[in-house]
C-alpha atoms as a PDB file:
ATOM      1  CA  MET A   1     125.934  90.313 147.985  1.00  0.00           C
ATOM      2  CA  ALA A   2     126.491  92.691 145.120  1.00  0.00           C
ATOM      3  CA  LYS A   3     123.879  95.166 143.999  1.00  0.00           C
ATOM      4  CA  PHE A   4     123.422  96.586 140.480  1.00  0.00           C
ATOM      5  CA  SER A   5     120.887  98.556 138.551  1.00  0.00           C
ATOM      6  CA  THR A   6     120.009  98.707 134.906  1.00  0.00           C
ATOM      7  CA  THR A   7     118.613 101.447 132.725  1.00  0.00           C
ATOM      8  CA  GLY A   8     117.124 101.300 129.261  1.00  0.00           C
ATOM      9  CA  VAL A   9     115.885  97.741 129.599  1.00  0.00           C
ATOM     10  CA  GLU A  10     112.247  98.828 129.150  1.00  0.00           C
ATOM     11  CA  ASP A  11     112.999 100.529 125.882  1.00  0.00           C
ATOM     12  CA  PHE A  12     114.865  97.423 124.672  1.00  0.00           C
ATOM     13  CA  LEU A  13     111.928  95.166 125.630  1.00  0.00           C
ATOM     14  CA  ARG A  14     109.452  97.471 123.833  1.00  0.00           C
ATOM     15  CA  ALA A  15     111.654  97.344 120.731  1.00  0.00           C
ATOM     16  CA  LEU A  16     111.740  93.561 120.849  1.00  0.00           C
ATOM     17  CA  ASP A  17     107.976  93.410 121.244  1.00  0.00           C
ATOM     18  CA  SER A  18     107.447  95.704 118.198  1.00  0.00           C
ATOM     19  CA  TRP A  19     109.509  93.246 116.061  1.00  0.00           C
ATOM     20  CA  GLY A  20     106.679  90.727 116.456  1.00  0.00           C
ATOM     21  CA  ASP A  21     104.244  93.140 114.678  1.00  0.00           C
ATOM     22  CA  ASP A  22     106.775  93.630 111.785  1.00  0.00           C
ATOM     23  CA  ALA A  23     107.207  89.876 111.508  1.00  0.00           C
ATOM     24  CA  GLY A  24     103.433  89.305 111.166  1.00  0.00           C
ATOM     25  CA  LYS A  25     103.552  91.489 108.012  1.00  0.00           C
ATOM     26  CA  ALA A  26     106.825  90.413 106.587  1.00  0.00           C
ATOM     27  CA  ILE A  27     106.388  86.621 106.791  1.00  0.00           C
ATOM     28  CA  PRO A  28     103.412  86.345 104.373  1.00  0.00           C
ATOM     29  CA  ALA A  29     105.296  88.656 101.965  1.00  0.00           C
ATOM     30  CA  MET A  30     108.412  86.516 102.111  1.00  0.00           C
ATOM     31  CA  LEU A  31     106.332  83.317 101.655  1.00  0.00           C
ATOM     32  CA  GLY A  32     104.670  84.857  98.669  1.00  0.00           C
ATOM     33  CA  ALA A  33     107.967  85.777  97.064  1.00  0.00           C
ATOM     34  CA  GLY A  34     109.342  82.356  97.760  1.00  0.00           C
ATOM     35  CA  ALA A  35     106.286  80.653  96.346  1.00  0.00           C
ATOM     36  CA  GLU A  36     106.621  82.740  93.156  1.00  0.00           C
ATOM     37  CA  ALA A  37     110.316  81.702  92.744  1.00  0.00           C
ATOM     38  CA  ALA A  38     109.453  78.061  93.475  1.00  0.00           C
ATOM     39  CA  ARG A  39     106.625  78.102  90.916  1.00  0.00           C
ATOM     40  CA  THR A  40     108.843  79.602  88.242  1.00  0.00           C
ATOM     41  CA  GLU A  41     111.489  76.966  88.893  1.00  0.00           C
ATOM     42  CA  MET A  42     108.973  74.123  88.818  1.00  0.00           C
ATOM     43  CA  GLU A  43     107.499  75.384  85.524  1.00  0.00           C
ATOM     44  CA  ASN A  44     110.896  75.525  84.032  1.00  0.00           C
ATOM     45  CA  THR A  45     111.865  72.070  85.320  1.00  0.00           C
ATOM     46  CA  ALA A  46     108.566  70.576  84.189  1.00  0.00           C
ATOM     47  CA  ALA A  47     108.734  72.109  80.700  1.00  0.00           C
ATOM     48  CA  TRP A  48     110.828  69.335  79.150  1.00  0.00           C
ATOM     49  CA  ALA A  49     108.394  66.586  80.309  1.00  0.00           C
ATOM     50  CA  ASP A  50     105.115  68.451  79.877  1.00  0.00           C
ATOM     51  CA  LYS A  51     104.129  68.374  76.208  1.00  0.00           C
ATOM     52  CA  SER A  52     100.542  69.475  76.775  1.00  0.00           C
ATOM     53  CA  GLY A  53     101.261  72.194  79.337  1.00  0.00           C
ATOM     54  CA  ALA A  54      98.738  70.729  81.763  1.00  0.00           C
ATOM     55  CA  LEU A  55     101.355  70.200  84.509  1.00  0.00           C
ATOM     56  CA  ARG A  56     102.591  73.767  84.180  1.00  0.00           C
ATOM     57  CA  ARG A  57      99.081  75.171  84.273  1.00  0.00           C
ATOM     58  CA  SER A  58      98.272  73.125  87.410  1.00  0.00           C
ATOM     59  CA  ILE A  59     101.032  74.692  89.517  1.00  0.00           C
ATOM     60  CA  LYS A  60      99.187  77.317  91.579  1.00  0.00           C
ATOM     61  CA  ILE A  61     100.107  79.573  94.567  1.00  0.00           C
ATOM     62  CA  SER A  62      97.633  79.493  97.417  1.00  0.00           C
ATOM     63  CA  LYS A  63      97.181  81.907 100.305  1.00  0.00           C
ATOM     64  CA  VAL A  64      99.356  81.526 103.382  1.00  0.00           C
ATOM     65  CA  LYS A  65      97.708  79.115 105.742  1.00  0.00           C
ATOM     66  CA  GLY A  66      98.479  78.696 109.487  1.00  0.00           C
ATOM     67  CA  SER A  67     100.281  81.006 111.887  1.00  0.00           C
END
């Protein structure tokens, strides 16, 4: 049976683990930016059929929900 050893695996695993912390901060920011772009597009699309402006005013961005 062959034997082998590895080095540096612990550092790699720590780096992977730290990515989870960064994702927890980045995901809400990305969702917020995407929501802003989606709202702008919906407002522009609704403009031709929304004479009173009520539809455009009703488009809101809520806080990120869930995990």
